[in-house]
Amino acid sequence: MQTDVERIAEGLAAAWSSADVEKIASFFTDDCMFEDVCVGDVCHGKEALKDRARTIFASIPDLKLEIKSLFANGDWVGCEWIETGTQNSKRFSVRGASIVELREGKINRESIYCHFDGATWFDD
């Protein structure tokens, strides 16, 4: 049986993988914080998160996100994932991790850690 945390993580990964900005935002609290630690980008609130997602999809229209491992302790979640897609006409795969704080069943804060210097780039 799938836990609430697994449903949230898998649902969010599916939303990112389908480029569904509204669905992505539905997993977050209105006053959420979404932080990409490695590039120093921080979004406060759902509208800023949706703007950031649109920017990401403009750069990586075929983004796919796959959960590799997941653990939770109370309202805190740790997750390892692999992102794949095409950027600047080149296919890539990059590993990353997220630290998530939940509030009342939604994501209040997500900090992601990945760096494209560690990406695998594929020749087509």
PDB file of N, CA and C in Angstrom:
ATOM      1  N   MET A   1       0.842  -1.184   0.000  1.00  0.00           N
ATOM      2  CA  MET A   1       0.000   0.000   0.000  1.00  0.00           C
ATOM      3  C   MET A   1       0.890   1.251   0.000  1.00  0.00           C
ATOM      4  N   GLN A   2       0.550   2.206  -0.836  1.00  0.00           N
ATOM      5  CA  GLN A   2       1.310   3.430  -0.981  1.00  0.00           C
ATOM      6  C   GLN A   2       0.986   4.395   0.166  1.00  0.00           C
ATOM      7  N   THR A   3       2.025   5.013   0.730  1.00  0.00           N
ATOM      8  CA  THR A   3       1.829   5.990   1.798  1.00  0.00           C
ATOM      9  C   THR A   3       1.465   7.348   1.203  1.00  0.00           C
ATOM     10  N   ASP A   4       1.014   8.264   2.071  1.00  0.00           N
ATOM     11  CA  ASP A   4       0.717   9.631   1.619  1.00  0.00           C
ATOM     12  C   ASP A   4       1.953  10.291   1.028  1.00  0.00           C
ATOM     13  N   VAL A   5       3.102  10.081   1.661  1.00  0.00           N
ATOM     14  CA  VAL A   5       4.347  10.679   1.166  1.00  0.00           C
ATOM     15  C   VAL A   5       4.688  10.127  -0.214  1.00  0.00           C
ATOM     16  N   GLU A   6       4.528   8.828  -0.410  1.00  0.00           N
ATOM     17  CA  GLU A   6       4.797   8.239  -1.730  1.00  0.00           C
ATOM     18  C   GLU A   6       3.836   8.786  -2.780  1.00  0.00           C
ATOM     19  N   ARG A   7       2.572   8.957  -2.420  1.00  0.00           N
ATOM     20  CA  ARG A   7       1.594   9.528  -3.362  1.00  0.00           C
ATOM     21  C   ARG A   7       1.975  10.959  -3.747  1.00  0.00           C
ATOM     22  N   ILE A   8       2.394  11.735  -2.769  1.00  0.00           N
ATOM     23  CA  ILE A   8       2.815  13.113  -3.052  1.00  0.00           C
ATOM     24  C   ILE A   8       4.035  13.108  -3.972  1.00  0.00           C
ATOM     25  N   ALA A   9       5.059  12.330  -3.634  1.00  0.00           N
ATOM     26  CA  ALA A   9       6.295  12.306  -4.426  1.00  0.00           C
ATOM     27  C   ALA A   9       6.043  11.806  -5.850  1.00  0.00           C
ATOM     28  N   GLU A  10       5.315  10.714  -5.977  1.00  0.00           N
ATOM     29  CA  GLU A  10       5.051  10.165  -7.308  1.00  0.00           C
ATOM     30  C   GLU A  10       4.138  11.090  -8.111  1.00  0.00           C
ATOM     31  N   GLY A  11       3.145  11.689  -7.448  1.00  0.00           N
ATOM     32  CA  GLY A  11       2.261  12.630  -8.137  1.00  0.00           C
ATOM     33  C   GLY A  11       2.995  13.861  -8.620  1.00  0.00           C
ATOM     34  N   LEU A  12       3.895  14.387  -7.787  1.00  0.00           N
ATOM     35  CA  LEU A  12       4.677  15.559  -8.172  1.00  0.00           C
ATOM     36  C   LEU A  12       5.618  15.219  -9.323  1.00  0.00           C
ATOM     37  N   ALA A  13       6.273  14.051  -9.255  1.00  0.00           N
ATOM     38  CA  ALA A  13       7.160  13.633 -10.348  1.00  0.00           C
ATOM     39  C   ALA A  13       6.370  13.505 -11.655  1.00  0.00           C
ATOM     40  N   ALA A  14       5.166  12.942 -11.577  1.00  0.00           N
ATOM     41  CA  ALA A  14       4.324  12.812 -12.771  1.00  0.00           C
ATOM     42  C   ALA A  14       3.923  14.179 -13.318  1.00  0.00           C
ATOM     43  N   ALA A  15       3.625  15.126 -12.422  1.00  0.00           N
ATOM     44  CA  ALA A  15       3.264  16.478 -12.858  1.00  0.00           C
ATOM     45  C   ALA A  15       4.435  17.156 -13.568  1.00  0.00           C
ATOM     46  N   TRP A  16       5.652  17.049 -12.996  1.00  0.00           N
ATOM     47  CA  TRP A  16       6.830  17.605 -13.668  1.00  0.00           C
ATOM     48  C   TRP A  16       7.038  16.922 -15.014  1.00  0.00           C
ATOM     49  N   SER A  17       6.858  15.594 -15.059  1.00  0.00           N
ATOM     50  CA  SER A  17       7.091  14.833 -16.284  1.00  0.00           C
ATOM     51  C   SER A  17       6.061  15.127 -17.366  1.00  0.00           C
ATOM     52  N   SER A  18       4.921  15.682 -16.996  1.00  0.00           N
ATOM     53  CA  SER A  18       3.897  16.029 -17.989  1.00  0.00           C
ATOM     54  C   SER A  18       3.851  17.524 -18.275  1.00  0.00           C
ATOM     55  N   ALA A  19       4.780  18.282 -17.679  1.00  0.00           N
ATOM     56  CA  ALA A  19       4.869  19.739 -17.874  1.00  0.00           C
ATOM     57  C   ALA A  19       3.568  20.437 -17.490  1.00  0.00           C
ATOM     58  N   ASP A  20       2.898  19.929 -16.467  1.00  0.00           N
ATOM     59  CA  ASP A  20       1.618  20.464 -16.008  1.00  0.00           C
ATOM     60  C   ASP A  20       1.849  21.439 -14.851  1.00  0.00           C
ATOM     61  N   VAL A  21       2.000  22.697 -15.177  1.00  0.00           N
ATOM     62  CA  VAL A  21       2.341  23.734 -14.190  1.00  0.00           C
ATOM     63  C   VAL A  21       1.282  23.823 -13.092  1.00  0.00           C
ATOM     64  N   GLU A  22       0.030  23.778 -13.460  1.00  0.00           N
ATOM     65  CA  GLU A  22      -1.045  23.870 -12.453  1.00  0.00           C
ATOM     66  C   GLU A  22      -1.030  22.654 -11.528  1.00  0.00           C
ATOM     67  N   LYS A  23      -0.793  21.483 -12.086  1.00  0.00           N
ATOM     68  CA  LYS A  23      -0.741  20.268 -11.265  1.00  0.00           C
ATOM     69  C   LYS A  23       0.454  20.325 -10.319  1.00  0.00           C
ATOM     70  N   ILE A  24       1.599  20.789 -10.813  1.00  0.00           N
ATOM     71  CA  ILE A  24       2.771  20.951  -9.943  1.00  0.00           C
ATOM     72  C   ILE A  24       2.399  21.834  -8.758  1.00  0.00           C
ATOM     73  N   ALA A  25       1.822  22.990  -9.037  1.00  0.00           N
ATOM     74  CA  ALA A  25       1.475  23.950  -7.981  1.00  0.00           C
ATOM     75  C   ALA A  25       0.471  23.372  -6.990  1.00  0.00           C
ATOM     76  N   SER A  26      -0.379  22.442  -7.439  1.00  0.00           N
ATOM     77  CA  SER A  26      -1.404  21.880  -6.548  1.00  0.00           C
ATOM     78  C   SER A  26      -0.811  21.073  -5.400  1.00  0.00           C
ATOM     79  N   PHE A  27       0.446  20.663  -5.509  1.00  0.00           N
ATOM     80  CA  PHE A  27       1.093  19.899  -4.444  1.00  0.00           C
ATOM     81  C   PHE A  27       1.691  20.806  -3.365  1.00  0.00           C
ATOM     82  N   PHE A  28       1.690  22.128  -3.590  1.00  0.00           N
ATOM     83  CA  PHE A  28       2.358  23.075  -2.713  1.00  0.00           C
ATOM     84  C   PHE A  28       1.359  23.944  -1.950  1.00  0.00           C
ATOM     85  N   THR A  29       1.774  24.421  -0.776  1.00  0.00           N
ATOM     86  CA  THR A  29       0.984  25.391  -0.029  1.00  0.00           C
ATOM     87  C   THR A  29       1.040  26.729  -0.759  1.00  0.00           C
ATOM     88  N   ASP A  30       0.083  27.606  -0.491  1.00  0.00           N
ATOM     89  CA  ASP A  30       0.059  28.922  -1.140  1.00  0.00           C
ATOM     90  C   ASP A  30       1.312  29.730  -0.844  1.00  0.00           C
ATOM     91  N   ASP A  31       1.848  29.580   0.369  1.00  0.00           N
ATOM     92  CA  ASP A  31       3.026  30.351   0.790  1.00  0.00           C
ATOM     93  C   ASP A  31       4.318  29.534   0.699  1.00  0.00           C
ATOM     94  N   CYS A  32       4.379  28.616  -0.243  1.00  0.00           N
ATOM     95  CA  CYS A  32       5.515  27.704  -0.362  1.00  0.00           C
ATOM     96  C   CYS A  32       6.819  28.432  -0.707  1.00  0.00           C
ATOM     97  N   MET A  33       7.904  27.694  -0.488  1.00  0.00           N
ATOM     98  CA  MET A  33       9.224  28.124  -0.934  1.00  0.00           C
ATOM     99  C   MET A  33       9.811  26.973  -1.747  1.00  0.00           C
ATOM    100  N   PHE A  34      10.256  27.269  -2.964  1.00  0.00           N
ATOM    101  CA  PHE A  34      10.916  26.294  -3.824  1.00  0.00           C
ATOM    102  C   PHE A  34      12.299  26.837  -4.121  1.00  0.00           C
ATOM    103  N   GLU A  35      13.317  26.088  -3.741  1.00  0.00           N
ATOM    104  CA  GLU A  35      14.692  26.575  -3.822  1.00  0.00           C
ATOM    105  C   GLU A  35      15.554  25.602  -4.610  1.00  0.00           C
ATOM    106  N   ASP A  36      16.231  26.112  -5.637  1.00  0.00           N
ATOM    107  CA  ASP A  36      17.259  25.349  -6.340  1.00  0.00           C
ATOM    108  C   ASP A  36      18.592  25.817  -5.761  1.00  0.00           C
ATOM    109  N   VAL A  37      19.097  25.044  -4.824  1.00  0.00           N
ATOM    110  CA  VAL A  37      20.270  25.446  -4.043  1.00  0.00           C
ATOM    111  C   VAL A  37      21.488  25.670  -4.931  1.00  0.00           C
ATOM    112  N   CYS A  38      21.694  24.809  -5.922  1.00  0.00           N
ATOM    113  CA  CYS A  38      22.919  24.877  -6.722  1.00  0.00           C
ATOM    114  C   CYS A  38      22.994  26.079  -7.650  1.00  0.00           C
ATOM    115  N   VAL A  39      21.847  26.621  -8.047  1.00  0.00           N
ATOM    116  CA  VAL A  39      21.882  27.822  -8.890  1.00  0.00           C
ATOM    117  C   VAL A  39      21.497  29.073  -8.108  1.00  0.00           C
ATOM    118  N   GLY A  40      21.094  28.898  -6.851  1.00  0.00           N
ATOM    119  CA  GLY A  40      20.769  30.041  -6.014  1.00  0.00           C
ATOM    120  C   GLY A  40      19.432  30.683  -6.328  1.00  0.00           C
ATOM    121  N   ASP A  41      18.503  29.915  -6.882  1.00  0.00           N
ATOM    122  CA  ASP A  41      17.195  30.434  -7.246  1.00  0.00           C
ATOM    123  C   ASP A  41      16.184  30.060  -6.168  1.00  0.00           C
ATOM    124  N   VAL A  42      15.432  31.043  -5.676  1.00  0.00           N
ATOM    125  CA  VAL A  42      14.413  30.798  -4.654  1.00  0.00           C
ATOM    126  C   VAL A  42      13.102  31.421  -5.123  1.00  0.00           C
ATOM    127  N   CYS A  43      12.030  30.623  -5.077  1.00  0.00           N
ATOM    128  CA  CYS A  43      10.692  31.100  -5.415  1.00  0.00           C
ATOM    129  C   CYS A  43       9.853  31.098  -4.146  1.00  0.00           C
ATOM    130  N   HIS A  44       9.125  32.166  -3.928  1.00  0.00           N
ATOM    131  CA  HIS A  44       8.219  32.262  -2.787  1.00  0.00           C
ATOM    132  C   HIS A  44       6.794  32.357  -3.302  1.00  0.00           C
ATOM    133  N   GLY A  45       5.965  31.373  -2.943  1.00  0.00           N
ATOM    134  CA  GLY A  45       4.568  31.361  -3.348  1.00  0.00           C
ATOM    135  C   GLY A  45       4.331  30.596  -4.635  1.00  0.00           C
ATOM    136  N   LYS A  46       3.072  30.189  -4.804  1.00  0.00           N
ATOM    137  CA  LYS A  46       2.701  29.371  -5.962  1.00  0.00           C
ATOM    138  C   LYS A  46       2.910  30.064  -7.297  1.00  0.00           C
ATOM    139  N   GLU A  47       2.611  31.355  -7.380  1.00  0.00           N
ATOM    140  CA  GLU A  47       2.760  32.050  -8.667  1.00  0.00           C
ATOM    141  C   GLU A  47       4.222  32.086  -9.097  1.00  0.00           C
ATOM    142  N   ALA A  48       5.121  32.337  -8.163  1.00  0.00           N
ATOM    143  CA  ALA A  48       6.552  32.329  -8.488  1.00  0.00           C
ATOM    144  C   ALA A  48       7.005  30.920  -8.881  1.00  0.00           C
ATOM    145  N   LEU A  49       6.479  29.912  -8.199  1.00  0.00           N
ATOM    146  CA  LEU A  49       6.797  28.530  -8.540  1.00  0.00           C
ATOM    147  C   LEU A  49       6.319  28.206  -9.953  1.00  0.00           C
ATOM    148  N   LYS A  50       5.116  28.604 -10.300  1.00  0.00           N
ATOM    149  CA  LYS A  50       4.596  28.350 -11.647  1.00  0.00           C
ATOM    150  C   LYS A  50       5.438  29.070 -12.701  1.00  0.00           C
ATOM    151  N   ASP A  51       5.852  30.305 -12.420  1.00  0.00           N
ATOM    152  CA  ASP A  51       6.715  31.032 -13.354  1.00  0.00           C
ATOM    153  C   ASP A  51       8.035  30.286 -13.559  1.00  0.00           C
ATOM    154  N   ARG A  52       8.598  29.794 -12.461  1.00  0.00           N
ATOM    155  CA  ARG A  52       9.871  29.044 -12.543  1.00  0.00           C
ATOM    156  C   ARG A  52       9.680  27.771 -13.362  1.00  0.00           C
ATOM    157  N   ALA A  53       8.580  27.058 -13.127  1.00  0.00           N
ATOM    158  CA  ALA A  53       8.311  25.828 -13.877  1.00  0.00           C
ATOM    159  C   ALA A  53       8.173  26.127 -15.371  1.00  0.00           C
ATOM    160  N   ARG A  54       7.474  27.207 -15.712  1.00  0.00           N
ATOM    161  CA  ARG A  54       7.333  27.580 -17.128  1.00  0.00           C
ATOM    162  C   ARG A  54       8.700  27.856 -17.763  1.00  0.00           C
ATOM    163  N   THR A  55       9.575  28.523 -17.014  1.00  0.00           N
ATOM    164  CA  THR A  55      10.928  28.799 -17.502  1.00  0.00           C
ATOM    165  C   THR A  55      11.693  27.500 -17.729  1.00  0.00           C
ATOM    166  N   ILE A  56      11.564  26.566 -16.796  1.00  0.00           N
ATOM    167  CA  ILE A  56      12.236  25.273 -16.928  1.00  0.00           C
ATOM    168  C   ILE A  56      11.718  24.541 -18.160  1.00  0.00           C
ATOM    169  N   PHE A  57      10.395  24.507 -18.360  1.00  0.00           N
ATOM    170  CA  PHE A  57       9.832  23.790 -19.501  1.00  0.00           C
ATOM    171  C   PHE A  57      10.174  24.472 -20.827  1.00  0.00           C
ATOM    172  N   ALA A  58      10.378  25.776 -20.831  1.00  0.00           N
ATOM    173  CA  ALA A  58      10.811  26.468 -22.042  1.00  0.00           C
ATOM    174  C   ALA A  58      12.215  26.013 -22.443  1.00  0.00           C
ATOM    175  N   SER A  59      13.049  25.706 -21.441  1.00  0.00           N
ATOM    176  CA  SER A  59      14.412  25.262 -21.678  1.00  0.00           C
ATOM    177  C   SER A  59      14.508  23.746 -21.879  1.00  0.00           C
ATOM    178  N   ILE A  60      13.619  22.992 -21.171  1.00  0.00           N
ATOM    179  CA  ILE A  60      13.641  21.523 -21.214  1.00  0.00           C
ATOM    180  C   ILE A  60      12.206  21.037 -21.418  1.00  0.00           C
ATOM    181  N   PRO A  61      11.699  21.124 -22.660  1.00  0.00           N
ATOM    182  CA  PRO A  61      10.279  20.808 -22.892  1.00  0.00           C
ATOM    183  C   PRO A  61       9.910  19.342 -22.666  1.00  0.00           C
ATOM    184  N   ASP A  62      10.887  18.450 -22.733  1.00  0.00           N
ATOM    185  CA  ASP A  62      10.610  17.014 -22.574  1.00  0.00           C
ATOM    186  C   ASP A  62      11.116  16.468 -21.236  1.00  0.00           C
ATOM    187  N   LEU A  63      11.171  17.315 -20.232  1.00  0.00           N
ATOM    188  CA  LEU A  63      11.668  16.926 -18.914  1.00  0.00           C
ATOM    189  C   LEU A  63      10.905  15.719 -18.371  1.00  0.00           C
ATOM    190  N   LYS A  64      11.640  14.760 -17.835  1.00  0.00           N
ATOM    191  CA  LYS A  64      11.066  13.607 -17.148  1.00  0.00           C
ATOM    192  C   LYS A  64      11.778  13.484 -15.801  1.00  0.00           C
ATOM    193  N   LEU A  65      11.004  13.155 -14.782  1.00  0.00           N
ATOM    194  CA  LEU A  65      11.544  13.036 -13.425  1.00  0.00           C
ATOM    195  C   LEU A  65      11.180  11.662 -12.891  1.00  0.00           C
ATOM    196  N   GLU A  66      12.186  10.915 -12.442  1.00  0.00           N
ATOM    197  CA  GLU A  66      11.984   9.571 -11.913  1.00  0.00           C
ATOM    198  C   GLU A  66      12.501   9.499 -10.478  1.00  0.00           C
ATOM    199  N   ILE A  67      11.643   9.088  -9.561  1.00  0.00           N
ATOM    200  CA  ILE A  67      12.026   8.916  -8.157  1.00  0.00           C
ATOM    201  C   ILE A  67      12.858   7.645  -8.035  1.00  0.00           C
ATOM    202  N   LYS A  68      14.026   7.738  -7.382  1.00  0.00           N
ATOM    203  CA  LYS A  68      14.884   6.573  -7.180  1.00  0.00           C
ATOM    204  C   LYS A  68      14.839   6.070  -5.736  1.00  0.00           C
ATOM    205  N   SER A  69      14.735   6.968  -4.771  1.00  0.00           N
ATOM    206  CA  SER A  69      14.608   6.561  -3.368  1.00  0.00           C
ATOM    207  C   SER A  69      13.887   7.669  -2.615  1.00  0.00           C
ATOM    208  N   LEU A  70      13.277   7.268  -1.499  1.00  0.00           N
ATOM    209  CA  LEU A  70      12.415   8.187  -0.765  1.00  0.00           C
ATOM    210  C   LEU A  70      12.349   7.743   0.688  1.00  0.00           C
ATOM    211  N   PHE A  71      12.434   8.703   1.607  1.00  0.00           N
ATOM    212  CA  PHE A  71      12.215   8.391   3.014  1.00  0.00           C
ATOM    213  C   PHE A  71      11.538   9.576   3.674  1.00  0.00           C
ATOM    214  N   ALA A  72      10.853   9.303   4.759  1.00  0.00           N
ATOM    215  CA  ALA A  72      10.152  10.370   5.479  1.00  0.00           C
ATOM    216  C   ALA A  72      10.324  10.169   6.976  1.00  0.00           C
ATOM    217  N   ASN A  73      10.327  11.292   7.680  1.00  0.00           N
ATOM    218  CA  ASN A  73      10.338  11.301   9.133  1.00  0.00           C
ATOM    219  C   ASN A  73       9.429  12.449   9.556  1.00  0.00           C
ATOM    220  N   GLY A  74       8.227  12.118   9.949  1.00  0.00           N
ATOM    221  CA  GLY A  74       7.262  13.150  10.287  1.00  0.00           C
ATOM    222  C   GLY A  74       6.915  13.968   9.061  1.00  0.00           C
ATOM    223  N   ASP A  75       7.086  15.281   9.152  1.00  0.00           N
ATOM    224  CA  ASP A  75       6.789  16.181   8.040  1.00  0.00           C
ATOM    225  C   ASP A  75       7.995  16.451   7.147  1.00  0.00           C
ATOM    226  N   TRP A  76       9.074  15.709   7.322  1.00  0.00           N
ATOM    227  CA  TRP A  76      10.274  15.892   6.505  1.00  0.00           C
ATOM    228  C   TRP A  76      10.458  14.709   5.576  1.00  0.00           C
ATOM    229  N   VAL A  77      10.815  15.003   4.329  1.00  0.00           N
ATOM    230  CA  VAL A  77      10.976  13.980   3.299  1.00  0.00           C
ATOM    231  C   VAL A  77      12.320  14.193   2.606  1.00  0.00           C
ATOM    232  N   GLY A  78      13.003  13.108   2.336  1.00  0.00           N
ATOM    233  CA  GLY A  78      14.207  13.125   1.518  1.00  0.00           C
ATOM    234  C   GLY A  78      13.958  12.276   0.289  1.00  0.00           C
ATOM    235  N   CYS A  79      14.426  12.731  -0.849  1.00  0.00           N
ATOM    236  CA  CYS A  79      14.123  12.039  -2.101  1.00  0.00           C
ATOM    237  C   CYS A  79      15.319  12.170  -3.048  1.00  0.00           C
ATOM    238  N   GLU A  80      15.725  11.040  -3.650  1.00  0.00           N
ATOM    239  CA  GLU A  80      16.707  11.063  -4.718  1.00  0.00           C
ATOM    240  C   GLU A  80      15.955  10.841  -6.027  1.00  0.00           C
ATOM    241  N   TRP A  81      16.382  11.528  -7.088  1.00  0.00           N
ATOM    242  CA  TRP A  81      15.681  11.431  -8.354  1.00  0.00           C
ATOM    243  C   TRP A  81      16.664  11.573  -9.515  1.00  0.00           C
ATOM    244  N   ILE A  82      16.172  11.205 -10.682  1.00  0.00           N
ATOM    245  CA  ILE A  82      16.924  11.406 -11.928  1.00  0.00           C
ATOM    246  C   ILE A  82      16.043  12.214 -12.873  1.00  0.00           C
ATOM    247  N   GLU A  83      16.603  13.290 -13.386  1.00  0.00           N
ATOM    248  CA  GLU A  83      15.923  14.126 -14.370  1.00  0.00           C
ATOM    249  C   GLU A  83      16.559  13.860 -15.726  1.00  0.00           C
ATOM    250  N   THR A  84      15.728  13.674 -16.733  1.00  0.00           N
ATOM    251  CA  THR A  84      16.222  13.517 -18.097  1.00  0.00           C
ATOM    252  C   THR A  84      15.467  14.491 -18.993  1.00  0.00           C
ATOM    253  N   GLY A  85      16.056  14.786 -20.118  1.00  0.00           N
ATOM    254  CA  GLY A  85      15.405  15.672 -21.061  1.00  0.00           C
ATOM    255  C   GLY A  85      16.368  16.115 -22.139  1.00  0.00           C
ATOM    256  N   THR A  86      15.956  17.150 -22.848  1.00  0.00           N
ATOM    257  CA  THR A  86      16.770  17.725 -23.920  1.00  0.00           C
ATOM    258  C   THR A  86      16.910  19.217 -23.664  1.00  0.00           C
ATOM    259  N   GLN A  87      18.150  19.666 -23.649  1.00  0.00           N
ATOM    260  CA  GLN A  87      18.421  21.095 -23.473  1.00  0.00           C
ATOM    261  C   GLN A  87      19.413  21.512 -24.546  1.00  0.00           C
ATOM    262  N   ASN A  88      19.087  22.590 -25.259  1.00  0.00           N
ATOM    263  CA  ASN A  88      19.946  23.061 -26.356  1.00  0.00           C
ATOM    264  C   ASN A  88      20.227  21.947 -27.359  1.00  0.00           C
ATOM    265  N   SER A  89      19.201  21.176 -27.688  1.00  0.00           N
ATOM    266  CA  SER A  89      19.258  20.091 -28.664  1.00  0.00           C
ATOM    267  C   SER A  89      20.142  18.919 -28.231  1.00  0.00           C
ATOM    268  N   LYS A  90      20.493  18.843 -26.958  1.00  0.00           N
ATOM    269  CA  LYS A  90      21.312  17.739 -26.466  1.00  0.00           C
ATOM    270  C   LYS A  90      20.572  17.020 -25.342  1.00  0.00           C
ATOM    271  N   ARG A  91      20.513  15.681 -25.425  1.00  0.00           N
ATOM    272  CA  ARG A  91      19.887  14.862 -24.394  1.00  0.00           C
ATOM    273  C   ARG A  91      20.799  14.789 -23.173  1.00  0.00           C
ATOM    274  N   PHE A  92      20.189  14.730 -21.986  1.00  0.00           N
ATOM    275  CA  PHE A  92      20.962  14.651 -20.748  1.00  0.00           C
ATOM    276  C   PHE A  92      20.239  13.806 -19.707  1.00  0.00           C
ATOM    277  N   SER A  93      21.006  13.425 -18.699  1.00  0.00           N
ATOM    278  CA  SER A  93      20.494  12.771 -17.503  1.00  0.00           C
ATOM    279  C   SER A  93      21.290  13.317 -16.329  1.00  0.00           C
ATOM    280  N   VAL A  94      20.595  13.719 -15.277  1.00  0.00           N
ATOM    281  CA  VAL A  94      21.277  14.264 -14.109  1.00  0.00           C
ATOM    282  C   VAL A  94      20.602  13.749 -12.845  1.00  0.00           C
ATOM    283  N   ARG A  95      21.424  13.391 -11.866  1.00  0.00           N
ATOM    284  CA  ARG A  95      20.920  12.945 -10.567  1.00  0.00           C
ATOM    285  C   ARG A  95      20.760  14.147  -9.651  1.00  0.00           C
ATOM    286  N   GLY A  96      19.768  14.052  -8.769  1.00  0.00           N
ATOM    287  CA  GLY A  96      19.551  15.117  -7.814  1.00  0.00           C
ATOM    288  C   GLY A  96      18.843  14.604  -6.580  1.00  0.00           C
ATOM    289  N   ALA A  97      18.679  15.491  -5.628  1.00  0.00           N
ATOM    290  CA  ALA A  97      17.995  15.156  -4.380  1.00  0.00           C
ATOM    291  C   ALA A  97      17.171  16.346  -3.934  1.00  0.00           C
ATOM    292  N   SER A  98      16.113  16.043  -3.211  1.00  0.00           N
ATOM    293  CA  SER A  98      15.248  17.082  -2.645  1.00  0.00           C
ATOM    294  C   SER A  98      15.061  16.837  -1.162  1.00  0.00           C
ATOM    295  N   ILE A  99      15.046  17.921  -0.415  1.00  0.00           N
ATOM    296  CA  ILE A  99      14.635  17.903   0.987  1.00  0.00           C
ATOM    297  C   ILE A  99      13.328  18.687   1.029  1.00  0.00           C
ATOM    298  N   VAL A 100      12.295  18.056   1.576  1.00  0.00           N
ATOM    299  CA  VAL A 100      10.947  18.607   1.530  1.00  0.00           C
ATOM    300  C   VAL A 100      10.366  18.699   2.932  1.00  0.00           C
ATOM    301  N   GLU A 101       9.717  19.811   3.215  1.00  0.00           N
ATOM    302  CA  GLU A 101       8.957  19.970   4.451  1.00  0.00           C
ATOM    303  C   GLU A 101       7.471  20.030   4.075  1.00  0.00           C
ATOM    304  N   LEU A 102       6.686  19.166   4.700  1.00  0.00           N
ATOM    305  CA  LEU A 102       5.248  19.128   4.459  1.00  0.00           C
ATOM    306  C   LEU A 102       4.506  19.909   5.533  1.00  0.00           C
ATOM    307  N   ARG A 103       3.372  20.464   5.144  1.00  0.00           N
ATOM    308  CA  ARG A 103       2.458  21.091   6.099  1.00  0.00           C
ATOM    309  C   ARG A 103       1.039  20.734   5.670  1.00  0.00           C
ATOM    310  N   GLU A 104       0.350  20.032   6.533  1.00  0.00           N
ATOM    311  CA  GLU A 104      -1.033  19.629   6.279  1.00  0.00           C
ATOM    312  C   GLU A 104      -1.198  18.934   4.926  1.00  0.00           C
ATOM    313  N   GLY A 105      -0.262  18.018   4.627  1.00  0.00           N
ATOM    314  CA  GLY A 105      -0.361  17.206   3.423  1.00  0.00           C
ATOM    315  C   GLY A 105       0.088  17.852   2.130  1.00  0.00           C
ATOM    316  N   LYS A 106       0.664  19.049   2.223  1.00  0.00           N
ATOM    317  CA  LYS A 106       1.179  19.738   1.028  1.00  0.00           C
ATOM    318  C   LYS A 106       2.633  20.132   1.283  1.00  0.00           C
ATOM    319  N   ILE A 107       3.327  20.415   0.194  1.00  0.00           N
ATOM    320  CA  ILE A 107       4.731  20.822   0.289  1.00  0.00           C
ATOM    321  C   ILE A 107       4.788  22.297   0.653  1.00  0.00           C
ATOM    322  N   ASN A 108       5.410  22.584   1.784  1.00  0.00           N
ATOM    323  CA  ASN A 108       5.597  23.962   2.221  1.00  0.00           C
ATOM    324  C   ASN A 108       6.967  24.481   1.774  1.00  0.00           C
ATOM    325  N   ARG A 109       7.923  23.573   1.724  1.00  0.00           N
ATOM    326  CA  ARG A 109       9.271  23.955   1.300  1.00  0.00           C
ATOM    327  C   ARG A 109       9.913  22.787   0.581  1.00  0.00           C
ATOM    328  N   GLU A 110      10.527  23.064  -0.566  1.00  0.00           N
ATOM    329  CA  GLU A 110      11.345  22.071  -1.250  1.00  0.00           C
ATOM    330  C   GLU A 110      12.656  22.721  -1.645  1.00  0.00           C
ATOM    331  N   SER A 111      13.748  22.085  -1.231  1.00  0.00           N
ATOM    332  CA  SER A 111      15.084  22.514  -1.634  1.00  0.00           C
ATOM    333  C   SER A 111      15.675  21.398  -2.481  1.00  0.00           C
ATOM    334  N   ILE A 112      16.011  21.717  -3.736  1.00  0.00           N
ATOM    335  CA  ILE A 112      16.584  20.710  -4.625  1.00  0.00           C
ATOM    336  C   ILE A 112      18.083  20.935  -4.763  1.00  0.00           C
ATOM    337  N   TYR A 113      18.781  19.820  -4.909  1.00  0.00           N
ATOM    338  CA  TYR A 113      20.232  19.812  -5.024  1.00  0.00           C
ATOM    339  C   TYR A 113      20.624  18.987  -6.242  1.00  0.00           C
ATOM    340  N   CYS A 114      21.037  19.652  -7.293  1.00  0.00           N
ATOM    341  CA  CYS A 114      21.610  18.963  -8.456  1.00  0.00           C
ATOM    342  C   CYS A 114      22.441  19.990  -9.204  1.00  0.00           C
ATOM    343  N   HIS A 115      23.371  19.502  -9.967  1.00  0.00           N
ATOM    344  CA  HIS A 115      24.227  20.412 -10.706  1.00  0.00           C
ATOM    345  C   HIS A 115      24.497  19.810 -12.079  1.00  0.00           C
ATOM    346  N   PHE A 116      24.257  20.582 -13.121  1.00  0.00           N
ATOM    347  CA  PHE A 116      24.419  20.082 -14.473  1.00  0.00           C
ATOM    348  C   PHE A 116      25.884  19.786 -14.820  1.00  0.00           C
ATOM    349  N   ASP A 117      26.848  20.255 -14.022  1.00  0.00           N
ATOM    350  CA  ASP A 117      28.235  19.862 -14.262  1.00  0.00           C
ATOM    351  C   ASP A 117      28.400  18.351 -14.108  1.00  0.00           C
ATOM    352  N   GLY A 118      27.517  17.729 -13.322  1.00  0.00           N
ATOM    353  CA  GLY A 118      27.560  16.284 -13.124  1.00  0.00           C
ATOM    354  C   GLY A 118      26.637  15.519 -14.049  1.00  0.00           C
ATOM    355  N   ALA A 119      26.033  16.204 -15.006  1.00  0.00           N
ATOM    356  CA  ALA A 119      25.087  15.549 -15.920  1.00  0.00           C
ATOM    357  C   ALA A 119      25.820  14.665 -16.923  1.00  0.00           C
ATOM    358  N   THR A 120      25.130  13.641 -17.375  1.00  0.00           N
ATOM    359  CA  THR A 120      25.588  12.833 -18.497  1.00  0.00           C
ATOM    360  C   THR A 120      24.895  13.365 -19.736  1.00  0.00           C
ATOM    361  N   TRP A 121      25.685  13.736 -20.733  1.00  0.00           N
ATOM    362  CA  TRP A 121      25.132  14.260 -21.987  1.00  0.00           C
ATOM    363  C   TRP A 121      25.265  13.203 -23.058  1.00  0.00           C
ATOM    364  N   PHE A 122      24.217  13.043 -23.857  1.00  0.00           N
ATOM    365  CA  PHE A 122      24.179  11.990 -24.866  1.00  0.00           C
ATOM    366  C   PHE A 122      24.210  12.599 -26.259  1.00  0.00           C
ATOM    367  N   ASP A 123      24.929  11.934 -27.153  1.00  0.00           N
ATOM    368  CA  ASP A 123      24.932  12.330 -28.566  1.00  0.00           C
ATOM    369  C   ASP A 123      23.756  11.642 -29.242  1.00  0.00           C
ATOM    370  N   ASP A 124      23.004  12.381 -30.014  1.00  0.00           N
ATOM    371  CA  ASP A 124      21.885  11.777 -30.762  1.00  0.00           C
ATOM    372  C   ASP A 124      22.302  11.422 -32.155  1.00  0.00           C
TER     373      ASP A 124
END
